[in-house]
N, C-alpha and C. Protein backbone atom coordinates (compact mmCIF):
# COMPACT_ATOMS: atom_id res chain seq x y z
N MET A 1 -5.97 -11.48 -33.20
CA MET A 1 -7.39 -11.54 -32.81
C MET A 1 -8.16 -11.34 -34.14
N SER A 2 -9.27 -12.03 -34.40
CA SER A 2 -10.11 -11.74 -35.20
C SER A 2 -11.37 -11.31 -34.60
N LEU A 3 -12.33 -10.58 -35.45
CA LEU A 3 -13.39 -10.31 -34.82
C LEU A 3 -14.20 -11.52 -34.37
N ARG A 4 -14.17 -12.45 -35.16
CA ARG A 4 -15.16 -13.64 -34.69
C ARG A 4 -14.60 -14.32 -33.55
N HIS A 5 -13.50 -14.27 -33.19
CA HIS A 5 -13.10 -14.71 -31.85
C HIS A 5 -13.38 -14.12 -30.87
N GLY A 6 -13.65 -12.59 -31.17
CA GLY A 6 -13.92 -11.66 -29.94
C GLY A 6 -15.50 -11.66 -29.95
N ILE A 7 -16.14 -12.14 -30.70
CA ILE A 7 -17.62 -12.39 -30.79
C ILE A 7 -17.85 -13.60 -29.89
N LEU A 8 -17.21 -14.51 -30.25
CA LEU A 8 -17.38 -15.92 -29.49
C LEU A 8 -16.77 -15.88 -28.15
N GLY A 9 -15.68 -14.94 -27.94
CA GLY A 9 -15.39 -14.87 -26.38
C GLY A 9 -16.45 -14.00 -25.77
N LEU A 10 -16.86 -13.17 -26.13
CA LEU A 10 -17.87 -12.22 -25.51
C LEU A 10 -19.07 -13.20 -25.38
N LEU A 11 -19.69 -13.86 -26.19
CA LEU A 11 -20.92 -14.82 -26.00
C LEU A 11 -20.55 -15.82 -25.12
N GLY A 12 -19.25 -16.31 -25.02
CA GLY A 12 -18.99 -17.41 -23.98
C GLY A 12 -18.93 -16.80 -22.67
N GLU A 13 -18.69 -15.50 -22.28
CA GLU A 13 -18.86 -14.98 -21.24
C GLU A 13 -20.16 -14.29 -20.64
N MET A 14 -20.98 -13.96 -21.63
CA MET A 14 -22.03 -13.26 -21.44
C MET A 14 -23.41 -14.18 -21.46
N GLY A 15 -23.19 -15.21 -22.12
CA GLY A 15 -24.54 -16.04 -22.61
C GLY A 15 -25.00 -15.56 -23.60
N ALA A 16 -26.44 -15.61 -23.59
CA ALA A 16 -27.12 -14.87 -24.76
C ALA A 16 -27.08 -13.57 -24.93
N ALA A 17 -26.79 -12.93 -25.93
CA ALA A 17 -26.74 -11.55 -26.06
C ALA A 17 -27.24 -11.03 -27.61
N SER A 18 -27.83 -10.00 -27.86
CA SER A 18 -28.18 -9.51 -29.22
C SER A 18 -26.93 -8.95 -29.75
N GLY A 19 -26.91 -8.38 -30.96
CA GLY A 19 -25.92 -7.90 -31.78
C GLY A 19 -25.85 -6.40 -31.02
N TYR A 20 -26.90 -5.76 -30.82
CA TYR A 20 -26.58 -4.43 -30.07
C TYR A 20 -26.00 -4.54 -28.95
N ASP A 21 -26.17 -5.64 -27.95
CA ASP A 21 -25.70 -5.81 -26.74
C ASP A 21 -23.92 -6.16 -26.69
N LEU A 22 -23.67 -6.77 -27.92
CA LEU A 22 -22.32 -7.16 -28.44
C LEU A 22 -21.58 -5.75 -28.65
N LEU A 23 -22.32 -5.09 -29.50
CA LEU A 23 -21.72 -3.92 -30.00
C LEU A 23 -21.31 -3.07 -28.68
N LYS A 24 -22.40 -2.87 -27.89
CA LYS A 24 -22.21 -2.12 -26.82
C LYS A 24 -20.68 -2.60 -25.82
N MET A 25 -20.76 -3.80 -25.89
CA MET A 25 -19.87 -4.59 -25.20
C MET A 25 -18.43 -4.33 -25.72
N PHE A 26 -18.33 -4.40 -26.86
CA PHE A 26 -17.15 -4.05 -27.80
C PHE A 26 -16.69 -2.55 -27.50
N ASP A 27 -17.74 -1.71 -27.61
CA ASP A 27 -17.31 -0.50 -27.30
C ASP A 27 -16.67 -0.01 -25.84
N ILE A 28 -17.31 -0.77 -24.74
CA ILE A 28 -16.91 -0.66 -23.45
C ILE A 28 -15.65 -1.40 -23.26
N SER A 29 -15.41 -2.50 -23.75
CA SER A 29 -14.27 -3.49 -23.29
C SER A 29 -13.36 -3.78 -24.25
N LEU A 30 -13.49 -3.87 -25.61
CA LEU A 30 -12.46 -4.09 -26.56
C LEU A 30 -12.16 -2.87 -27.57
N ALA A 31 -13.09 -2.06 -27.26
CA ALA A 31 -12.37 -0.73 -28.38
C ALA A 31 -11.18 -0.36 -28.45
N HIS A 32 -10.40 -0.41 -27.27
CA HIS A 32 -8.97 -0.08 -27.29
C HIS A 32 -8.23 -1.12 -27.85
N VAL A 33 -8.58 -2.44 -27.84
CA VAL A 33 -7.76 -3.63 -28.47
C VAL A 33 -8.25 -3.90 -29.83
N TRP A 34 -9.44 -4.17 -30.09
CA TRP A 34 -9.93 -4.47 -31.18
C TRP A 34 -11.27 -4.02 -31.61
N PRO A 35 -11.41 -2.67 -32.25
CA PRO A 35 -12.65 -2.15 -32.45
C PRO A 35 -13.50 -2.61 -33.50
N ALA A 36 -14.53 -2.46 -33.53
CA ALA A 36 -15.58 -3.15 -34.41
C ALA A 36 -16.56 -1.99 -34.74
N THR A 37 -17.16 -2.12 -35.98
CA THR A 37 -18.20 -1.31 -36.41
C THR A 37 -19.38 -2.15 -36.33
N GLN A 38 -20.57 -1.57 -36.42
CA GLN A 38 -21.96 -2.22 -36.60
C GLN A 38 -22.05 -3.08 -37.76
N SER A 39 -21.67 -2.63 -38.81
CA SER A 39 -21.68 -3.54 -40.21
C SER A 39 -20.72 -4.62 -39.88
N GLN A 40 -19.75 -4.56 -39.48
CA GLN A 40 -18.67 -5.59 -39.33
C GLN A 40 -19.08 -6.73 -38.36
N LEU A 41 -19.93 -6.37 -37.22
CA LEU A 41 -20.31 -7.07 -36.17
C LEU A 41 -21.36 -8.08 -36.68
N TYR A 42 -22.21 -7.25 -37.32
CA TYR A 42 -23.40 -8.24 -37.94
C TYR A 42 -23.24 -8.93 -39.04
N THR A 43 -22.17 -8.60 -39.74
CA THR A 43 -21.78 -9.69 -40.85
C THR A 43 -21.20 -10.77 -40.20
N GLU A 44 -20.37 -10.55 -39.20
CA GLU A 44 -19.57 -11.60 -38.51
C GLU A 44 -20.56 -12.63 -37.91
N LEU A 45 -21.64 -11.84 -37.15
CA LEU A 45 -22.61 -12.79 -36.69
C LEU A 45 -23.38 -13.69 -37.78
N GLY A 46 -23.72 -13.11 -38.95
CA GLY A 46 -24.35 -13.92 -39.80
C GLY A 46 -23.50 -15.13 -40.42
N LYS A 47 -22.10 -14.81 -40.28
CA LYS A 47 -21.12 -15.77 -40.76
C LYS A 47 -21.17 -16.94 -39.75
N LEU A 48 -20.88 -16.67 -38.48
CA LEU A 48 -20.98 -17.70 -37.26
C LEU A 48 -22.06 -18.38 -37.10
N ALA A 49 -23.12 -17.90 -37.42
CA ALA A 49 -24.58 -18.57 -37.37
C ALA A 49 -24.57 -19.54 -38.59
N GLY A 50 -23.99 -19.02 -39.71
CA GLY A 50 -24.03 -20.04 -40.90
C GLY A 50 -23.07 -21.29 -40.56
N GLU A 51 -21.93 -20.80 -39.90
CA GLU A 51 -21.09 -21.96 -39.50
C GLU A 51 -21.24 -22.99 -38.16
N GLU A 52 -22.52 -22.52 -37.58
CA GLU A 52 -23.00 -23.07 -36.49
C GLU A 52 -22.21 -23.03 -35.21
N LEU A 53 -21.41 -21.90 -35.24
CA LEU A 53 -20.66 -21.65 -34.13
C LEU A 53 -21.43 -20.79 -33.21
N ILE A 54 -22.52 -20.28 -33.68
CA ILE A 54 -23.48 -19.50 -32.68
C ILE A 54 -24.83 -20.00 -33.15
N ASP A 55 -25.87 -19.86 -32.14
CA ASP A 55 -27.09 -20.16 -32.45
C ASP A 55 -27.93 -18.91 -32.37
N VAL A 56 -28.96 -18.70 -33.09
CA VAL A 56 -30.12 -17.51 -32.46
C VAL A 56 -30.90 -18.20 -31.71
N VAL A 57 -31.04 -17.94 -30.38
CA VAL A 57 -31.85 -18.38 -29.29
C VAL A 57 -33.24 -17.49 -29.12
N ALA A 58 -33.38 -16.33 -29.61
CA ALA A 58 -34.48 -15.72 -29.61
C ALA A 58 -34.70 -14.55 -30.59
N GLU A 59 -35.67 -14.19 -31.07
CA GLU A 59 -36.31 -13.15 -32.07
C GLU A 59 -37.12 -12.26 -31.53
N GLY A 60 -36.89 -11.01 -31.69
CA GLY A 60 -37.84 -9.85 -31.24
C GLY A 60 -38.16 -8.98 -31.90
N ALA A 61 -38.83 -8.01 -31.93
CA ALA A 61 -39.20 -6.78 -32.57
C ALA A 61 -38.17 -6.40 -33.57
N ARG A 62 -38.58 -5.83 -34.54
CA ARG A 62 -37.51 -5.21 -35.58
C ARG A 62 -36.36 -6.12 -36.05
N GLY A 63 -36.39 -7.17 -36.01
CA GLY A 63 -35.53 -8.23 -36.39
C GLY A 63 -34.58 -8.58 -35.39
N ARG A 64 -34.59 -8.16 -34.09
CA ARG A 64 -33.68 -8.37 -33.14
C ARG A 64 -33.55 -9.75 -32.97
N LYS A 65 -32.25 -10.11 -32.82
CA LYS A 65 -31.89 -11.47 -32.28
C LYS A 65 -31.12 -11.69 -31.42
N GLU A 66 -31.22 -12.72 -30.46
CA GLU A 66 -30.26 -13.10 -29.66
C GLU A 66 -29.45 -14.27 -29.89
N TYR A 67 -28.25 -14.27 -29.75
CA TYR A 67 -27.33 -15.28 -29.94
C TYR A 67 -26.60 -15.86 -28.92
N ARG A 68 -26.34 -17.23 -28.96
CA ARG A 68 -25.61 -17.85 -28.03
C ARG A 68 -24.56 -18.76 -28.77
N ILE A 69 -23.53 -18.86 -28.03
CA ILE A 69 -22.29 -19.80 -28.51
C ILE A 69 -22.52 -21.08 -28.42
N THR A 70 -22.43 -21.81 -29.56
CA THR A 70 -22.68 -23.29 -29.51
C THR A 70 -21.41 -24.00 -28.83
N GLU A 71 -21.53 -25.37 -28.73
CA GLU A 71 -20.32 -26.20 -28.30
C GLU A 71 -19.20 -26.03 -29.30
N ALA A 72 -19.61 -26.10 -30.70
CA ALA A 72 -18.68 -25.95 -31.60
C ALA A 72 -17.98 -24.66 -31.70
N GLY A 73 -18.58 -23.64 -31.32
CA GLY A 73 -18.14 -22.32 -30.93
C GLY A 73 -17.08 -22.15 -30.06
N ARG A 74 -17.36 -22.92 -28.81
CA ARG A 74 -16.73 -22.93 -27.75
C ARG A 74 -15.36 -23.73 -28.05
N GLU A 75 -15.54 -24.97 -29.01
CA GLU A 75 -14.36 -25.60 -29.31
C GLU A 75 -13.36 -24.69 -30.11
N GLU A 76 -14.02 -23.80 -31.07
CA GLU A 76 -13.16 -22.96 -32.08
C GLU A 76 -12.53 -21.88 -31.11
N LEU A 77 -13.15 -21.47 -29.98
CA LEU A 77 -12.55 -20.48 -29.31
C LEU A 77 -11.58 -21.02 -28.48
N ARG A 78 -11.76 -22.22 -28.00
CA ARG A 78 -10.53 -22.87 -26.90
C ARG A 78 -9.30 -23.04 -28.04
N HIS A 79 -9.57 -23.62 -29.22
CA HIS A 79 -8.56 -23.88 -30.18
C HIS A 79 -7.78 -22.58 -30.47
N TRP A 80 -8.54 -21.53 -30.69
CA TRP A 80 -7.72 -20.28 -30.92
C TRP A 80 -6.99 -19.70 -29.86
N LEU A 81 -7.43 -19.85 -28.64
CA LEU A 81 -6.91 -19.37 -27.54
C LEU A 81 -5.60 -20.20 -27.17
N VAL A 82 -5.58 -21.44 -27.32
CA VAL A 82 -4.35 -22.14 -26.72
C VAL A 82 -3.66 -23.01 -27.94
N ASP A 83 -3.99 -22.99 -28.93
CA ASP A 83 -3.35 -23.61 -30.02
C ASP A 83 -2.84 -22.78 -31.26
N VAL A 84 -3.49 -21.81 -31.57
CA VAL A 84 -2.97 -20.98 -32.60
C VAL A 84 -2.13 -19.91 -31.97
N ALA A 85 -0.92 -19.70 -32.59
CA ALA A 85 0.07 -18.74 -32.38
C ALA A 85 -0.50 -17.30 -32.65
N PRO A 86 -0.39 -16.55 -31.60
CA PRO A 86 -1.00 -15.29 -32.09
C PRO A 86 -0.02 -14.29 -33.11
N LYS A 87 -0.81 -13.41 -33.91
CA LYS A 87 0.24 -12.72 -34.76
C LYS A 87 0.73 -11.80 -34.13
N ARG A 88 1.85 -11.62 -34.15
CA ARG A 88 2.47 -10.28 -33.43
C ARG A 88 3.01 -9.27 -34.43
N PRO A 89 2.18 -7.99 -34.32
CA PRO A 89 2.54 -6.92 -35.00
C PRO A 89 4.06 -6.84 -35.44
N GLN A 90 4.20 -6.57 -36.64
CA GLN A 90 5.66 -6.32 -37.07
C GLN A 90 5.75 -4.91 -37.74
N ARG A 91 4.83 -4.37 -38.14
CA ARG A 91 4.90 -3.09 -38.58
C ARG A 91 4.51 -2.01 -37.83
N ASP A 92 5.15 -1.07 -37.89
CA ASP A 92 4.79 0.28 -37.07
C ASP A 92 5.00 1.36 -37.79
N GLU A 93 4.16 2.05 -38.36
CA GLU A 93 4.14 3.18 -39.40
C GLU A 93 4.68 4.41 -38.50
N ALA A 94 4.27 4.41 -37.42
CA ALA A 94 4.83 5.61 -36.43
C ALA A 94 6.23 5.64 -36.35
N LEU A 95 6.70 4.25 -35.84
CA LEU A 95 8.14 4.22 -36.00
C LEU A 95 9.04 4.15 -37.14
N LEU A 96 8.29 3.76 -38.24
CA LEU A 96 9.19 3.89 -39.49
C LEU A 96 9.48 5.54 -39.96
N ARG A 97 8.41 6.04 -39.39
CA ARG A 97 8.37 7.79 -39.69
C ARG A 97 9.67 8.13 -38.61
N VAL A 98 9.74 7.78 -37.62
CA VAL A 98 10.79 8.24 -36.71
C VAL A 98 12.19 7.81 -37.30
N PHE A 99 12.15 6.77 -37.91
CA PHE A 99 13.60 6.29 -38.49
C PHE A 99 13.92 7.31 -39.51
N PHE A 100 12.92 7.91 -40.26
CA PHE A 100 13.66 8.92 -41.39
C PHE A 100 13.52 10.16 -41.04
N LEU A 101 13.18 10.62 -39.67
CA LEU A 101 13.17 11.78 -39.29
C LEU A 101 14.23 12.78 -39.74
N GLY A 102 15.46 12.27 -39.89
CA GLY A 102 16.62 12.98 -40.34
C GLY A 102 16.32 13.59 -41.64
N GLN A 103 15.13 13.44 -42.36
CA GLN A 103 15.03 13.94 -43.72
C GLN A 103 14.21 15.26 -43.50
N VAL A 104 13.76 15.70 -42.38
CA VAL A 104 13.24 16.98 -42.13
C VAL A 104 14.14 17.75 -41.15
N ASP A 105 13.59 19.02 -41.02
CA ASP A 105 14.48 19.86 -39.96
C ASP A 105 14.19 19.20 -38.50
N SER A 106 15.03 19.64 -37.56
CA SER A 106 14.80 19.35 -36.16
C SER A 106 13.35 19.92 -35.65
N ASP A 107 12.84 20.99 -35.95
CA ASP A 107 11.76 21.31 -35.52
C ASP A 107 10.48 20.77 -35.96
N ARG A 108 10.51 20.35 -37.33
CA ARG A 108 9.41 19.50 -37.62
C ARG A 108 9.50 17.94 -37.13
N ALA A 109 10.93 17.63 -36.90
CA ALA A 109 10.93 16.21 -36.30
C ALA A 109 10.33 16.23 -34.79
N CYS A 110 10.71 17.09 -34.02
CA CYS A 110 10.08 17.39 -32.76
C CYS A 110 8.52 17.48 -32.66
N HIS A 111 8.21 18.39 -33.65
CA HIS A 111 6.69 18.52 -33.74
C HIS A 111 6.08 17.21 -33.99
N TYR A 112 6.67 16.45 -34.80
CA TYR A 112 5.90 15.06 -35.22
C TYR A 112 5.97 14.38 -33.73
N LEU A 113 7.00 14.14 -33.34
CA LEU A 113 7.16 13.21 -32.04
C LEU A 113 6.26 13.73 -31.04
N LEU A 114 6.42 15.26 -30.81
CA LEU A 114 5.28 15.62 -29.67
C LEU A 114 3.96 15.80 -29.92
N ASN A 115 3.45 15.70 -31.19
CA ASN A 115 2.07 15.51 -31.71
C ASN A 115 1.84 13.82 -31.30
N GLY A 116 2.67 12.94 -31.51
CA GLY A 116 2.26 11.71 -31.20
C GLY A 116 2.14 11.54 -29.69
N ALA A 117 2.83 12.07 -29.15
CA ALA A 117 2.69 12.09 -27.40
C ALA A 117 1.45 12.64 -27.20
N ASP A 118 1.22 13.69 -27.52
CA ASP A 118 -0.09 14.43 -27.18
C ASP A 118 -1.26 13.50 -27.45
N HIS A 119 -1.33 12.81 -28.93
CA HIS A 119 -2.45 11.85 -29.28
C HIS A 119 -2.52 10.59 -28.33
N LEU A 120 -1.36 10.12 -27.70
CA LEU A 120 -1.38 9.05 -26.71
C LEU A 120 -1.83 9.68 -25.67
N ASP A 121 -1.58 11.00 -25.04
CA ASP A 121 -2.12 11.28 -23.78
C ASP A 121 -3.60 11.52 -23.76
N GLN A 122 -4.21 11.81 -25.08
CA GLN A 122 -5.59 11.88 -25.45
C GLN A 122 -6.20 10.56 -25.18
N ARG A 123 -5.54 9.52 -25.87
CA ARG A 123 -6.00 8.20 -25.73
C ARG A 123 -6.06 7.62 -24.29
N LEU A 124 -4.90 7.78 -23.54
CA LEU A 124 -4.85 7.34 -22.20
C LEU A 124 -5.94 7.99 -21.47
N ASN A 125 -6.22 9.26 -21.53
CA ASN A 125 -7.18 9.94 -20.87
C ASN A 125 -8.69 9.41 -21.16
N ARG A 126 -8.86 8.86 -22.32
CA ARG A 126 -9.98 8.21 -22.70
C ARG A 126 -10.13 6.89 -21.96
N LEU A 127 -9.07 6.14 -22.02
CA LEU A 127 -8.91 4.92 -21.63
C LEU A 127 -9.33 5.05 -19.92
N LEU A 128 -8.66 5.84 -19.28
CA LEU A 128 -8.90 6.23 -17.88
C LEU A 128 -10.48 6.60 -17.48
N GLU A 129 -10.87 7.43 -18.40
CA GLU A 129 -12.21 7.57 -18.08
C GLU A 129 -13.19 6.49 -18.51
N ASP A 130 -13.03 5.62 -19.43
CA ASP A 130 -13.52 4.47 -19.45
C ASP A 130 -13.61 3.55 -18.40
N GLU A 131 -12.48 3.44 -17.88
CA GLU A 131 -12.12 2.52 -16.71
C GLU A 131 -13.12 3.05 -15.30
N ARG A 132 -13.05 4.25 -15.27
CA ARG A 132 -13.80 4.90 -14.19
C ARG A 132 -15.38 4.68 -14.55
N SER A 133 -15.85 4.79 -15.71
CA SER A 133 -17.27 4.74 -15.92
C SER A 133 -17.71 3.17 -16.29
N VAL A 134 -16.87 2.31 -15.96
CA VAL A 134 -17.47 0.88 -15.96
C VAL A 134 -17.28 0.12 -14.76
N ALA A 135 -18.41 -0.28 -14.45
CA ALA A 135 -18.48 -1.02 -13.12
C ALA A 135 -17.87 -2.54 -13.11
N LEU A 136 -16.74 -2.57 -12.79
CA LEU A 136 -16.20 -3.83 -12.82
C LEU A 136 -16.31 -4.64 -11.56
N GLY A 137 -16.58 -6.13 -11.79
CA GLY A 137 -17.04 -6.89 -10.70
C GLY A 137 -15.90 -7.86 -10.67
N ASP A 138 -16.08 -9.09 -10.18
CA ASP A 138 -15.20 -10.28 -9.89
C ASP A 138 -15.27 -11.27 -11.00
N ASP A 139 -16.12 -11.18 -11.95
CA ASP A 139 -16.27 -12.15 -12.94
C ASP A 139 -15.08 -11.94 -13.86
N ASP A 140 -14.99 -13.03 -14.68
CA ASP A 140 -14.05 -13.10 -15.75
C ASP A 140 -13.85 -11.92 -16.69
N LEU A 141 -14.84 -11.47 -17.14
CA LEU A 141 -14.63 -10.48 -18.15
C LEU A 141 -13.82 -9.20 -17.60
N SER A 142 -14.39 -8.98 -16.32
CA SER A 142 -13.84 -7.87 -15.38
C SER A 142 -12.35 -8.03 -15.02
N ARG A 143 -12.32 -9.33 -14.67
CA ARG A 143 -10.73 -9.67 -14.01
C ARG A 143 -9.75 -9.49 -15.39
N TYR A 144 -10.10 -10.14 -16.41
CA TYR A 144 -8.98 -10.29 -17.46
C TYR A 144 -9.19 -8.79 -18.23
N GLY A 145 -10.40 -8.25 -18.29
CA GLY A 145 -10.58 -6.86 -18.72
C GLY A 145 -9.54 -5.79 -18.06
N ARG A 146 -9.48 -5.95 -16.80
CA ARG A 146 -8.61 -5.15 -15.92
C ARG A 146 -7.26 -5.43 -16.21
N LEU A 147 -6.80 -6.50 -16.66
CA LEU A 147 -5.37 -6.77 -16.93
C LEU A 147 -4.97 -6.23 -18.42
N VAL A 148 -5.98 -6.39 -19.23
CA VAL A 148 -6.06 -5.65 -20.68
C VAL A 148 -5.64 -4.23 -20.69
N MET A 149 -6.59 -3.48 -19.65
CA MET A 149 -6.67 -2.09 -19.60
C MET A 149 -5.33 -1.63 -18.86
N ASP A 150 -4.74 -2.47 -17.92
CA ASP A 150 -3.48 -2.14 -17.44
C ASP A 150 -2.47 -2.25 -18.38
N TYR A 151 -2.41 -3.08 -19.43
CA TYR A 151 -1.35 -3.22 -20.31
C TYR A 151 -1.66 -2.00 -21.19
N GLY A 152 -2.79 -1.55 -21.62
CA GLY A 152 -3.19 -0.42 -22.37
C GLY A 152 -2.49 0.96 -21.75
N LYS A 153 -2.71 0.90 -20.44
CA LYS A 153 -2.43 2.13 -19.91
C LYS A 153 -0.90 2.19 -19.70
N ARG A 154 -0.23 1.03 -19.51
CA ARG A 154 1.31 1.14 -19.32
C ARG A 154 1.90 1.40 -20.65
N PHE A 155 1.40 0.70 -21.71
CA PHE A 155 1.88 0.68 -23.04
C PHE A 155 1.86 2.11 -23.62
N MET A 156 0.81 3.02 -23.49
CA MET A 156 0.59 4.42 -23.79
C MET A 156 1.29 5.25 -23.13
N ALA A 157 1.49 5.03 -21.86
CA ALA A 157 2.29 5.88 -20.98
C ALA A 157 3.87 5.68 -21.42
N MET A 158 4.15 4.60 -21.64
CA MET A 158 5.77 4.17 -21.80
C MET A 158 6.00 4.89 -23.33
N ARG A 159 5.08 4.63 -24.24
CA ARG A 159 5.18 5.31 -25.63
C ARG A 159 5.26 6.68 -25.82
N ARG A 160 4.50 7.35 -25.06
CA ARG A 160 4.15 8.87 -24.77
C ARG A 160 5.53 9.39 -24.23
N ASP A 161 6.01 8.66 -23.22
CA ASP A 161 7.19 9.06 -22.71
C ASP A 161 8.20 8.91 -23.53
N TRP A 162 8.43 7.92 -24.09
CA TRP A 162 9.81 7.68 -25.28
C TRP A 162 9.70 8.59 -26.23
N LEU A 163 8.41 9.28 -26.63
CA LEU A 163 8.04 10.24 -27.93
C LEU A 163 8.73 11.39 -27.04
N ARG A 164 8.35 11.79 -26.13
CA ARG A 164 8.88 13.17 -25.38
C ARG A 164 10.33 13.19 -25.16
N ASP A 165 10.83 12.09 -24.76
CA ASP A 165 12.32 11.90 -24.24
C ASP A 165 13.22 11.97 -25.87
N ALA A 166 12.59 11.44 -26.92
CA ALA A 166 13.01 11.52 -28.31
C ALA A 166 13.14 13.05 -28.83
N ALA A 167 11.98 13.45 -28.48
CA ALA A 167 11.88 15.16 -28.98
C ALA A 167 13.16 15.69 -28.17
N ALA A 168 13.30 15.48 -26.90
CA ALA A 168 14.12 16.15 -26.20
C ALA A 168 15.38 15.86 -26.64
N GLU A 169 15.86 14.61 -26.87
CA GLU A 169 17.22 14.16 -27.53
C GLU A 169 17.47 14.95 -28.77
N ILE A 170 16.43 15.16 -29.70
CA ILE A 170 16.70 15.59 -31.00
C ILE A 170 17.11 17.34 -30.67
N ARG A 171 16.38 17.88 -29.75
CA ARG A 171 16.44 19.36 -29.44
C ARG A 171 18.07 19.50 -28.81
N GLU A 172 18.25 18.60 -27.92
CA GLU A 172 19.89 18.67 -27.40
C GLU A 172 20.89 18.39 -28.37
N HIS A 173 20.62 17.59 -29.50
CA HIS A 173 21.71 17.51 -30.41
C HIS A 173 21.46 18.46 -31.24
N THR A 174 20.47 19.06 -31.73
CA THR A 174 20.59 20.29 -32.54
C THR A 174 21.34 21.60 -31.78
N GLN A 175 20.98 21.78 -30.57
CA GLN A 175 21.77 22.78 -29.77
C GLN A 175 23.20 22.57 -29.77
N ARG A 176 23.62 21.32 -29.74
CA ARG A 176 25.20 21.03 -29.50
C ARG A 176 25.60 21.23 -30.84
N THR A 177 25.06 21.00 -31.94
CA THR A 177 25.31 20.92 -33.29
C THR A 177 25.44 22.65 -33.51
N GLU A 178 24.58 23.38 -33.33
CA GLU A 178 24.61 24.65 -33.43
C GLU A 178 25.95 25.31 -32.57
N VAL A 179 25.92 25.10 -31.38
CA VAL A 179 27.06 25.59 -30.67
C VAL A 179 28.31 25.20 -31.27
N ALA A 180 28.28 23.97 -31.42
CA ALA A 180 29.86 23.62 -32.32
C ALA A 180 30.02 24.09 -33.65
N GLY A 181 28.90 24.41 -34.20
CA GLY A 181 29.22 25.20 -35.72
C GLY A 181 29.77 26.62 -35.30
N SER A 182 29.07 27.17 -34.42
CA SER A 182 29.32 28.45 -34.19
C SER A 182 30.76 28.88 -33.58
N VAL A 183 31.26 27.81 -32.95
CA VAL A 183 32.67 27.91 -32.39
C VAL A 183 33.57 27.41 -33.48
N ARG A 184 33.19 26.56 -34.43
CA ARG A 184 34.42 26.57 -35.57
C ARG A 184 34.30 27.66 -36.45
N GLN A 185 33.24 28.36 -36.53
CA GLN A 185 32.92 29.60 -37.50
C GLN A 185 33.86 30.57 -36.60
N ASP A 186 33.86 30.82 -35.66
CA ASP A 186 34.63 31.67 -34.74
C ASP A 186 35.95 31.37 -35.11
N GLU A 187 36.38 30.06 -34.85
CA GLU A 187 37.79 29.76 -35.11
C GLU A 187 38.46 30.12 -36.32
N SER A 188 37.66 29.99 -37.23
CA SER A 188 38.04 30.05 -38.85
C SER A 188 37.76 31.60 -39.34
N GLY A 189 37.28 32.40 -38.45
CA GLY A 189 37.30 33.79 -38.72
C GLY A 189 38.62 34.61 -38.81
N PRO A 190 38.66 35.61 -39.27
CA PRO A 190 40.01 36.61 -39.37
C PRO A 190 40.45 36.76 -37.93
N ARG A 191 41.81 36.62 -38.06
CA ARG A 191 42.70 37.15 -36.71
C ARG A 191 43.45 38.19 -36.93
N GLU A 192 43.55 38.85 -35.60
CA GLU A 192 44.36 40.21 -35.86
C GLU A 192 45.76 39.77 -35.53
N SER A 193 46.67 40.48 -36.22
CA SER A 193 48.08 40.22 -35.89
C SER A 193 48.30 41.16 -34.80
N LEU A 194 49.80 40.34 -34.02
CA LEU A 194 50.23 41.20 -32.99
C LEU A 194 51.21 42.27 -33.29
């Protein structure tokens, strides 16, 4: 997804909205999927207006502008939604690190994994708080927003649980290795003669 399509999609659902309104909507609906800063949003609004994908429909005090999607903007959004294949993320730095955790001792490896699980717990709790604080209706933004929120909850819970399981597996392997090592050491020690 690109920021431009997020803006076009929100304007398609909301009708007219100011940059401030769009930024608030990003914060409550898309922040977990595609966060946007104020400067990014306003820069993109200028580009979209320049490409005539959105129009300025009202101007108010302190330079406040309200924007509305144009028919060309709707066509761009439709094209992106159904004709353009989504970019599937292929890089995951966190998993790359897991792949090389054998380079550190098992305590550090487990610490890394459990920190990741704790981080996901915090993100999941924030998502659940956001879900409770947003009044969802039966409109398209609410309906499809609930689907995206459900995906986020399931994905974070799955990844958190996997990180905890991986840490437990490393601990178990370390304990088995230590026990096997002490048994071998006992077997190779001096023996008394009869």
